[in-house]
Amino acid sequence: MIKFFEYNWQVRDEWFDWCDQVTIEELLMDRKGGVRNILYTLFHIIDVEYSWIRGIQGKEDVVFQFADYYTLEKVKSLSDQLRIEIADFLKVDLSDLKELSVSVPWDEARYTVNDILHHIIAHEIHHIGQLSVWARELELQPVSSNLVGRELRSVHSY
């Protein structure tokens, strides 16, 4: 499962690089489907990942306001900063935690750690697909979503 976090992070970083070719106006333009716009989608992915990981850890949720991260540089910096903390958590042996039941403040249901980790992975992949659609609408090549052929950076290197 850790390989998919590494994959998502690499693809996310490639999307940050992709964003350099378009204006901030394009990144913030409201679009059909998804969650608002390109930059907010990247912010949303980061925010959701961090919230769920903190939920697993039994830590208080940290609510980030998009208005505080309204540039590509700030969203990328937030991603880099939070990834270090998430990677530290993922470095531990999760096998004993996978069936642990967790509750989070924004949902009344309880979920296993295993289900939450899978949700985080699927959530990002879903939104990366939306970014790909928007890239094509801009007549630009989207970031490759291929897993095969990638040399992934190990979670232990963060």
N, C-alpha and C. Protein backbone atom coordinates (compact mmCIF):
# COMPACT_ATOMS: atom_id res chain seq x y z
N MET A 1 0.82 -1.20 0.00
CA MET A 1 0.00 0.00 0.00
C MET A 1 0.87 1.27 0.00
N ILE A 2 2.01 1.20 0.66
CA ILE A 2 2.89 2.36 0.73
C ILE A 2 3.33 2.78 -0.68
N LYS A 3 3.48 1.80 -1.57
CA LYS A 3 3.88 2.11 -2.95
C LYS A 3 2.88 3.07 -3.60
N PHE A 4 1.60 2.94 -3.27
CA PHE A 4 0.60 3.83 -3.86
C PHE A 4 0.69 5.24 -3.29
N PHE A 5 1.08 5.38 -2.03
CA PHE A 5 1.34 6.73 -1.51
C PHE A 5 2.51 7.34 -2.26
N GLU A 6 3.58 6.56 -2.44
CA GLU A 6 4.75 7.05 -3.17
C GLU A 6 4.37 7.43 -4.60
N TYR A 7 3.55 6.61 -5.23
CA TYR A 7 3.06 6.90 -6.58
C TYR A 7 2.27 8.21 -6.59
N ASN A 8 1.31 8.34 -5.69
CA ASN A 8 0.48 9.55 -5.65
C ASN A 8 1.34 10.79 -5.43
N TRP A 9 2.32 10.69 -4.56
CA TRP A 9 3.17 11.86 -4.30
C TRP A 9 3.99 12.23 -5.53
N GLN A 10 4.51 11.24 -6.23
CA GLN A 10 5.28 11.53 -7.43
C GLN A 10 4.40 12.17 -8.50
N VAL A 11 3.22 11.61 -8.71
CA VAL A 11 2.30 12.17 -9.71
C VAL A 11 1.87 13.59 -9.29
N ARG A 12 1.62 13.79 -8.01
CA ARG A 12 1.24 15.13 -7.52
C ARG A 12 2.35 16.13 -7.83
N ASP A 13 3.60 15.75 -7.56
CA ASP A 13 4.72 16.65 -7.85
C ASP A 13 4.81 16.94 -9.34
N GLU A 14 4.52 15.95 -10.17
CA GLU A 14 4.52 16.17 -11.61
C GLU A 14 3.40 17.13 -12.02
N TRP A 15 2.26 17.07 -11.33
CA TRP A 15 1.19 18.03 -11.59
C TRP A 15 1.60 19.43 -11.17
N PHE A 16 2.32 19.55 -10.06
CA PHE A 16 2.82 20.87 -9.68
C PHE A 16 3.72 21.43 -10.78
N ASP A 17 4.60 20.59 -11.32
CA ASP A 17 5.46 21.02 -12.43
C ASP A 17 4.62 21.38 -13.65
N TRP A 18 3.61 20.58 -13.94
CA TRP A 18 2.72 20.82 -15.08
C TRP A 18 2.08 22.20 -14.95
N CYS A 19 1.70 22.56 -13.74
CA CYS A 19 1.01 23.83 -13.50
C CYS A 19 1.86 25.05 -13.87
N ASP A 20 3.17 24.90 -13.91
CA ASP A 20 4.05 26.01 -14.27
C ASP A 20 3.79 26.54 -15.68
N GLN A 21 3.18 25.74 -16.54
CA GLN A 21 2.97 26.17 -17.93
C GLN A 21 1.68 26.96 -18.13
N VAL A 22 0.88 27.08 -17.09
CA VAL A 22 -0.37 27.84 -17.23
C VAL A 22 -0.37 29.00 -16.24
N THR A 23 -1.19 29.96 -16.51
CA THR A 23 -1.25 31.16 -15.65
C THR A 23 -2.01 30.84 -14.35
N ILE A 24 -1.81 31.69 -13.38
CA ILE A 24 -2.56 31.54 -12.12
C ILE A 24 -4.06 31.71 -12.38
N GLU A 25 -4.40 32.53 -13.36
CA GLU A 25 -5.81 32.70 -13.70
C GLU A 25 -6.41 31.38 -14.19
N GLU A 26 -5.65 30.64 -15.01
CA GLU A 26 -6.12 29.33 -15.47
C GLU A 26 -6.23 28.34 -14.31
N LEU A 27 -5.28 28.40 -13.38
CA LEU A 27 -5.30 27.49 -12.24
C LEU A 27 -6.49 27.75 -11.33
N LEU A 28 -6.95 28.99 -11.30
CA LEU A 28 -8.05 29.37 -10.40
C LEU A 28 -9.41 29.46 -11.11
N MET A 29 -9.44 29.25 -12.40
CA MET A 29 -10.69 29.35 -13.15
C MET A 29 -11.64 28.23 -12.74
N ASP A 30 -12.90 28.62 -12.44
CA ASP A 30 -13.91 27.61 -12.11
C ASP A 30 -14.14 26.71 -13.32
N ARG A 31 -14.23 25.42 -13.03
CA ARG A 31 -14.37 24.42 -14.09
C ARG A 31 -15.55 23.51 -13.80
N LYS A 32 -16.01 22.81 -14.83
CA LYS A 32 -17.11 21.86 -14.66
C LYS A 32 -16.57 20.59 -14.02
N GLY A 33 -17.36 20.03 -13.12
CA GLY A 33 -16.96 18.80 -12.45
C GLY A 33 -15.89 19.07 -11.42
N GLY A 34 -15.55 18.05 -10.68
CA GLY A 34 -14.47 18.19 -9.70
C GLY A 34 -14.80 19.16 -8.59
N VAL A 35 -13.74 19.68 -7.99
CA VAL A 35 -13.91 20.63 -6.89
C VAL A 35 -13.31 21.98 -7.28
N ARG A 36 -14.11 22.80 -7.89
CA ARG A 36 -13.81 24.19 -8.23
C ARG A 36 -12.82 24.36 -9.37
N ASN A 37 -11.53 24.20 -9.07
CA ASN A 37 -10.50 24.54 -10.05
C ASN A 37 -9.25 23.70 -9.84
N ILE A 38 -8.26 23.90 -10.68
CA ILE A 38 -7.06 23.07 -10.64
C ILE A 38 -6.30 23.25 -9.33
N LEU A 39 -6.04 24.50 -8.95
CA LEU A 39 -5.25 24.73 -7.74
C LEU A 39 -5.98 24.25 -6.50
N TYR A 40 -7.28 24.52 -6.43
CA TYR A 40 -8.04 24.05 -5.26
C TYR A 40 -8.07 22.53 -5.21
N THR A 41 -8.10 21.88 -6.34
CA THR A 41 -8.10 20.41 -6.37
C THR A 41 -6.82 19.87 -5.73
N LEU A 42 -5.69 20.44 -6.09
CA LEU A 42 -4.42 20.02 -5.48
C LEU A 42 -4.43 20.28 -3.98
N PHE A 43 -4.91 21.44 -3.58
CA PHE A 43 -5.02 21.78 -2.16
C PHE A 43 -5.94 20.78 -1.45
N HIS A 44 -7.06 20.48 -2.05
CA HIS A 44 -8.04 19.55 -1.47
C HIS A 44 -7.43 18.16 -1.26
N ILE A 45 -6.69 17.67 -2.23
CA ILE A 45 -6.03 16.37 -2.12
C ILE A 45 -5.13 16.34 -0.89
N ILE A 46 -4.33 17.37 -0.74
CA ILE A 46 -3.38 17.47 0.38
C ILE A 46 -4.12 17.54 1.71
N ASP A 47 -5.13 18.38 1.77
CA ASP A 47 -5.91 18.58 3.00
C ASP A 47 -6.60 17.29 3.44
N VAL A 48 -7.22 16.59 2.51
CA VAL A 48 -7.92 15.35 2.83
C VAL A 48 -6.94 14.28 3.31
N GLU A 49 -5.83 14.14 2.61
CA GLU A 49 -4.82 13.15 3.00
C GLU A 49 -4.36 13.40 4.44
N TYR A 50 -4.03 14.64 4.74
CA TYR A 50 -3.51 14.99 6.06
C TYR A 50 -4.58 14.78 7.15
N SER A 51 -5.80 15.19 6.87
CA SER A 51 -6.88 15.04 7.85
C SER A 51 -7.11 13.57 8.21
N TRP A 52 -7.16 12.72 7.20
CA TRP A 52 -7.40 11.29 7.47
C TRP A 52 -6.23 10.66 8.23
N ILE A 53 -5.00 11.02 7.88
CA ILE A 53 -3.85 10.47 8.59
C ILE A 53 -3.88 10.92 10.04
N ARG A 54 -4.19 12.18 10.28
CA ARG A 54 -4.29 12.65 11.67
C ARG A 54 -5.43 11.94 12.39
N GLY A 55 -6.51 11.65 11.68
CA GLY A 55 -7.61 10.90 12.27
C GLY A 55 -7.18 9.52 12.71
N ILE A 56 -6.41 8.85 11.88
CA ILE A 56 -5.87 7.53 12.24
C ILE A 56 -5.03 7.62 13.50
N GLN A 57 -4.27 8.68 13.60
CA GLN A 57 -3.36 8.86 14.73
C GLN A 57 -4.07 9.34 16.00
N GLY A 58 -5.36 9.65 15.87
CA GLY A 58 -6.11 10.16 17.02
C GLY A 58 -5.78 11.60 17.34
N LYS A 59 -5.22 12.30 16.37
CA LYS A 59 -4.86 13.71 16.57
C LYS A 59 -5.99 14.61 16.11
N GLU A 60 -6.01 15.80 16.65
CA GLU A 60 -7.00 16.81 16.27
C GLU A 60 -6.81 17.19 14.80
N ASP A 61 -7.92 17.38 14.10
CA ASP A 61 -7.85 17.79 12.70
C ASP A 61 -7.34 19.22 12.62
N VAL A 62 -6.49 19.47 11.66
CA VAL A 62 -6.01 20.81 11.37
C VAL A 62 -6.74 21.27 10.12
N VAL A 63 -7.48 22.37 10.25
CA VAL A 63 -8.26 22.88 9.12
C VAL A 63 -7.46 23.97 8.42
N PHE A 64 -7.15 23.73 7.17
CA PHE A 64 -6.43 24.70 6.36
C PHE A 64 -7.45 25.48 5.53
N GLN A 65 -7.22 26.76 5.38
CA GLN A 65 -8.09 27.62 4.57
C GLN A 65 -7.41 27.88 3.23
N PHE A 66 -8.11 27.57 2.16
CA PHE A 66 -7.54 27.75 0.83
C PHE A 66 -7.11 29.20 0.61
N ALA A 67 -7.81 30.14 1.19
CA ALA A 67 -7.45 31.55 1.04
C ALA A 67 -6.02 31.84 1.51
N ASP A 68 -5.51 31.01 2.40
CA ASP A 68 -4.13 31.17 2.90
C ASP A 68 -3.11 30.53 1.98
N TYR A 69 -3.56 29.79 0.97
CA TYR A 69 -2.67 29.03 0.07
C TYR A 69 -3.07 29.27 -1.38
N TYR A 70 -3.22 30.51 -1.74
CA TYR A 70 -3.83 30.88 -3.01
C TYR A 70 -2.84 30.98 -4.17
N THR A 71 -1.63 30.43 -4.00
CA THR A 71 -0.66 30.42 -5.09
C THR A 71 -0.14 29.00 -5.24
N LEU A 72 0.39 28.71 -6.41
CA LEU A 72 0.97 27.40 -6.67
C LEU A 72 2.11 27.12 -5.70
N GLU A 73 2.93 28.10 -5.45
CA GLU A 73 4.08 27.92 -4.57
C GLU A 73 3.64 27.57 -3.15
N LYS A 74 2.59 28.22 -2.67
CA LYS A 74 2.11 27.95 -1.31
C LYS A 74 1.47 26.57 -1.19
N VAL A 75 0.74 26.15 -2.20
CA VAL A 75 0.13 24.81 -2.17
C VAL A 75 1.22 23.75 -2.24
N LYS A 76 2.20 23.95 -3.10
CA LYS A 76 3.32 23.00 -3.20
C LYS A 76 4.09 22.94 -1.88
N SER A 77 4.33 24.07 -1.26
CA SER A 77 5.04 24.11 0.02
C SER A 77 4.25 23.37 1.10
N LEU A 78 2.94 23.54 1.11
CA LEU A 78 2.10 22.82 2.07
C LEU A 78 2.20 21.32 1.84
N SER A 79 2.16 20.91 0.59
CA SER A 79 2.29 19.49 0.25
C SER A 79 3.62 18.94 0.77
N ASP A 80 4.70 19.64 0.50
CA ASP A 80 6.03 19.19 0.93
C ASP A 80 6.12 19.10 2.45
N GLN A 81 5.59 20.10 3.11
CA GLN A 81 5.65 20.16 4.58
C GLN A 81 4.86 19.01 5.22
N LEU A 82 3.64 18.80 4.77
CA LEU A 82 2.79 17.78 5.38
C LEU A 82 3.25 16.38 5.00
N ARG A 83 3.83 16.23 3.83
CA ARG A 83 4.29 14.93 3.37
C ARG A 83 5.35 14.36 4.31
N ILE A 84 6.21 15.20 4.84
CA ILE A 84 7.24 14.73 5.76
C ILE A 84 6.60 14.08 6.98
N GLU A 85 5.59 14.71 7.53
CA GLU A 85 4.90 14.17 8.70
C GLU A 85 4.15 12.88 8.34
N ILE A 86 3.51 12.86 7.20
CA ILE A 86 2.77 11.67 6.76
C ILE A 86 3.74 10.52 6.50
N ALA A 87 4.86 10.81 5.85
CA ALA A 87 5.86 9.78 5.57
C ALA A 87 6.39 9.19 6.86
N ASP A 88 6.61 10.02 7.88
CA ASP A 88 7.07 9.50 9.18
C ASP A 88 6.06 8.50 9.74
N PHE A 89 4.79 8.81 9.61
CA PHE A 89 3.75 7.88 10.08
C PHE A 89 3.76 6.59 9.27
N LEU A 90 3.92 6.69 7.97
CA LEU A 90 3.86 5.52 7.10
C LEU A 90 5.09 4.63 7.23
N LYS A 91 6.15 5.13 7.82
CA LYS A 91 7.38 4.35 8.00
C LYS A 91 7.23 3.26 9.07
N VAL A 92 6.24 3.42 9.94
CA VAL A 92 6.05 2.41 11.00
C VAL A 92 5.35 1.20 10.41
N ASP A 93 5.43 0.09 11.11
CA ASP A 93 4.75 -1.13 10.67
C ASP A 93 3.25 -0.96 10.91
N LEU A 94 2.51 -0.85 9.84
CA LEU A 94 1.07 -0.59 9.94
C LEU A 94 0.24 -1.86 10.09
N SER A 95 0.87 -3.02 10.01
CA SER A 95 0.11 -4.27 10.00
C SER A 95 -0.71 -4.45 11.28
N ASP A 96 -0.21 -3.98 12.41
CA ASP A 96 -0.96 -4.11 13.65
C ASP A 96 -2.12 -3.12 13.74
N LEU A 97 -2.07 -2.07 12.94
CA LEU A 97 -3.11 -1.03 12.99
C LEU A 97 -4.23 -1.24 11.98
N LYS A 98 -4.01 -2.07 10.97
CA LYS A 98 -4.92 -2.12 9.82
C LYS A 98 -6.38 -2.39 10.19
N GLU A 99 -6.62 -3.21 11.19
CA GLU A 99 -7.99 -3.54 11.56
C GLU A 99 -8.53 -2.67 12.69
N LEU A 100 -7.71 -1.74 13.17
CA LEU A 100 -8.14 -0.82 14.22
C LEU A 100 -9.29 0.04 13.72
N SER A 101 -10.32 0.20 14.53
CA SER A 101 -11.47 1.01 14.17
C SER A 101 -11.24 2.45 14.61
N VAL A 102 -11.48 3.37 13.70
CA VAL A 102 -11.19 4.78 13.93
C VAL A 102 -12.43 5.62 13.67
N SER A 103 -12.61 6.63 14.48
CA SER A 103 -13.65 7.62 14.20
C SER A 103 -12.98 8.97 13.98
N VAL A 104 -13.60 9.79 13.17
CA VAL A 104 -13.08 11.12 12.87
C VAL A 104 -14.19 12.14 13.12
N PRO A 105 -13.83 13.38 13.44
CA PRO A 105 -14.84 14.37 13.82
C PRO A 105 -15.82 14.76 12.72
N TRP A 106 -15.47 14.57 11.46
CA TRP A 106 -16.35 15.01 10.37
C TRP A 106 -17.27 13.90 9.86
N ASP A 107 -17.26 12.73 10.53
CA ASP A 107 -18.08 11.61 10.07
C ASP A 107 -18.53 10.79 11.29
N GLU A 108 -19.77 10.40 11.31
CA GLU A 108 -20.30 9.63 12.45
C GLU A 108 -19.90 8.16 12.41
N ALA A 109 -19.57 7.66 11.24
CA ALA A 109 -19.23 6.24 11.10
C ALA A 109 -17.82 5.97 11.61
N ARG A 110 -17.54 4.69 11.82
CA ARG A 110 -16.20 4.24 12.19
C ARG A 110 -15.65 3.46 11.01
N TYR A 111 -14.33 3.57 10.80
CA TYR A 111 -13.67 2.90 9.69
C TYR A 111 -12.40 2.23 10.18
N THR A 112 -12.00 1.18 9.48
CA THR A 112 -10.72 0.57 9.82
C THR A 112 -9.60 1.43 9.21
N VAL A 113 -8.45 1.36 9.82
CA VAL A 113 -7.28 2.05 9.29
C VAL A 113 -7.02 1.60 7.86
N ASN A 114 -7.16 0.32 7.61
CA ASN A 114 -6.96 -0.21 6.27
C ASN A 114 -7.89 0.46 5.25
N ASP A 115 -9.17 0.58 5.61
CA ASP A 115 -10.12 1.23 4.70
C ASP A 115 -9.78 2.70 4.50
N ILE A 116 -9.35 3.38 5.54
CA ILE A 116 -8.99 4.79 5.42
C ILE A 116 -7.78 4.96 4.51
N LEU A 117 -6.76 4.14 4.69
CA LEU A 117 -5.58 4.25 3.84
C LEU A 117 -5.93 4.01 2.37
N HIS A 118 -6.78 3.02 2.13
CA HIS A 118 -7.23 2.78 0.75
C HIS A 118 -8.05 3.97 0.22
N HIS A 119 -8.87 4.55 1.08
CA HIS A 119 -9.67 5.71 0.67
C HIS A 119 -8.77 6.88 0.27
N ILE A 120 -7.73 7.15 1.07
CA ILE A 120 -6.82 8.25 0.77
C ILE A 120 -6.19 8.05 -0.61
N ILE A 121 -5.76 6.84 -0.88
CA ILE A 121 -5.13 6.53 -2.18
C ILE A 121 -6.13 6.72 -3.32
N ALA A 122 -7.31 6.13 -3.17
CA ALA A 122 -8.33 6.22 -4.23
C ALA A 122 -8.79 7.67 -4.44
N HIS A 123 -8.89 8.42 -3.36
CA HIS A 123 -9.33 9.81 -3.43
C HIS A 123 -8.40 10.63 -4.32
N GLU A 124 -7.10 10.48 -4.09
CA GLU A 124 -6.15 11.25 -4.89
C GLU A 124 -6.18 10.80 -6.35
N ILE A 125 -6.22 9.51 -6.58
CA ILE A 125 -6.26 9.01 -7.96
C ILE A 125 -7.50 9.54 -8.68
N HIS A 126 -8.62 9.57 -7.99
CA HIS A 126 -9.86 10.12 -8.56
C HIS A 126 -9.66 11.56 -9.02
N HIS A 127 -9.10 12.38 -8.14
CA HIS A 127 -8.93 13.79 -8.48
C HIS A 127 -7.85 14.01 -9.53
N ILE A 128 -6.85 13.16 -9.57
CA ILE A 128 -5.84 13.25 -10.62
C ILE A 128 -6.49 13.01 -11.98
N GLY A 129 -7.47 12.10 -12.01
CA GLY A 129 -8.22 11.90 -13.25
C GLY A 129 -8.95 13.15 -13.68
N GLN A 130 -9.52 13.87 -12.71
CA GLN A 130 -10.21 15.13 -13.05
C GLN A 130 -9.22 16.15 -13.60
N LEU A 131 -8.04 16.23 -12.99
CA LEU A 131 -7.03 17.16 -13.50
C LEU A 131 -6.65 16.82 -14.94
N SER A 132 -6.61 15.53 -15.25
CA SER A 132 -6.29 15.09 -16.61
C SER A 132 -7.34 15.56 -17.61
N VAL A 133 -8.60 15.50 -17.23
CA VAL A 133 -9.69 15.97 -18.10
C VAL A 133 -9.52 17.47 -18.34
N TRP A 134 -9.28 18.23 -17.27
CA TRP A 134 -9.12 19.67 -17.41
C TRP A 134 -7.90 20.01 -18.26
N ALA A 135 -6.82 19.26 -18.12
CA ALA A 135 -5.63 19.50 -18.94
C ALA A 135 -5.98 19.35 -20.42
N ARG A 136 -6.72 18.31 -20.74
CA ARG A 136 -7.11 18.09 -22.15
C ARG A 136 -8.04 19.19 -22.64
N GLU A 137 -8.91 19.70 -21.77
CA GLU A 137 -9.76 20.83 -22.15
C GLU A 137 -8.92 22.06 -22.48
N LEU A 138 -7.77 22.19 -21.85
CA LEU A 138 -6.85 23.29 -22.13
C LEU A 138 -5.93 22.97 -23.31
N GLU A 139 -6.17 21.80 -23.93
CA GLU A 139 -5.37 21.31 -25.05
C GLU A 139 -3.90 21.15 -24.67
N LEU A 140 -3.69 20.66 -23.44
CA LEU A 140 -2.35 20.37 -22.93
C LEU A 140 -2.26 18.90 -22.56
N GLN A 141 -1.08 18.36 -22.66
CA GLN A 141 -0.85 16.95 -22.32
C GLN A 141 -0.90 16.80 -20.79
N PRO A 142 -1.75 15.91 -20.29
CA PRO A 142 -1.78 15.70 -18.83
C PRO A 142 -0.57 14.90 -18.37
N VAL A 143 -0.36 14.91 -17.09
CA VAL A 143 0.69 14.09 -16.47
C VAL A 143 0.32 12.63 -16.67
N SER A 144 1.29 11.80 -16.95
CA SER A 144 1.03 10.37 -17.11
C SER A 144 0.59 9.77 -15.78
N SER A 145 -0.44 8.95 -15.85
CA SER A 145 -0.90 8.26 -14.65
C SER A 145 -0.37 6.83 -14.57
N ASN A 146 0.51 6.47 -15.50
CA ASN A 146 1.07 5.11 -15.49
C ASN A 146 1.85 4.85 -14.21
N LEU A 147 1.59 3.72 -13.61
CA LEU A 147 2.39 3.28 -12.47
C LEU A 147 3.63 2.53 -12.96
N VAL A 148 3.45 1.71 -13.98
CA VAL A 148 4.58 0.93 -14.50
C VAL A 148 5.60 1.88 -15.12
N GLY A 149 6.85 1.53 -14.94
CA GLY A 149 7.91 2.32 -15.51
C GLY A 149 8.38 3.50 -14.67
N ARG A 150 7.75 3.69 -13.53
CA ARG A 150 8.14 4.79 -12.64
C ARG A 150 9.19 4.31 -11.65
N GLU A 151 10.15 5.14 -11.38
CA GLU A 151 11.09 4.89 -10.30
C GLU A 151 10.61 5.73 -9.12
N LEU A 152 9.94 5.08 -8.19
CA LEU A 152 9.33 5.79 -7.08
C LEU A 152 10.32 6.06 -5.96
N ARG A 153 10.20 7.23 -5.38
CA ARG A 153 11.01 7.61 -4.23
C ARG A 153 10.41 6.92 -3.00
N SER A 154 11.23 6.24 -2.25
CA SER A 154 10.76 5.50 -1.08
C SER A 154 10.27 6.45 0.01
N VAL A 155 9.21 6.04 0.70
CA VAL A 155 8.69 6.81 1.81
C VAL A 155 9.79 7.01 2.86
N HIS A 156 10.74 6.12 2.92
CA HIS A 156 11.84 6.21 3.89
C HIS A 156 12.85 7.30 3.53
N SER A 157 12.74 7.87 2.34
CA SER A 157 13.68 8.92 1.93
C SER A 157 13.18 10.32 2.30
N TYR A 158 11.99 10.39 2.86
CA TYR A 158 11.46 11.72 3.23
C TYR A 158 11.88 12.06 4.64
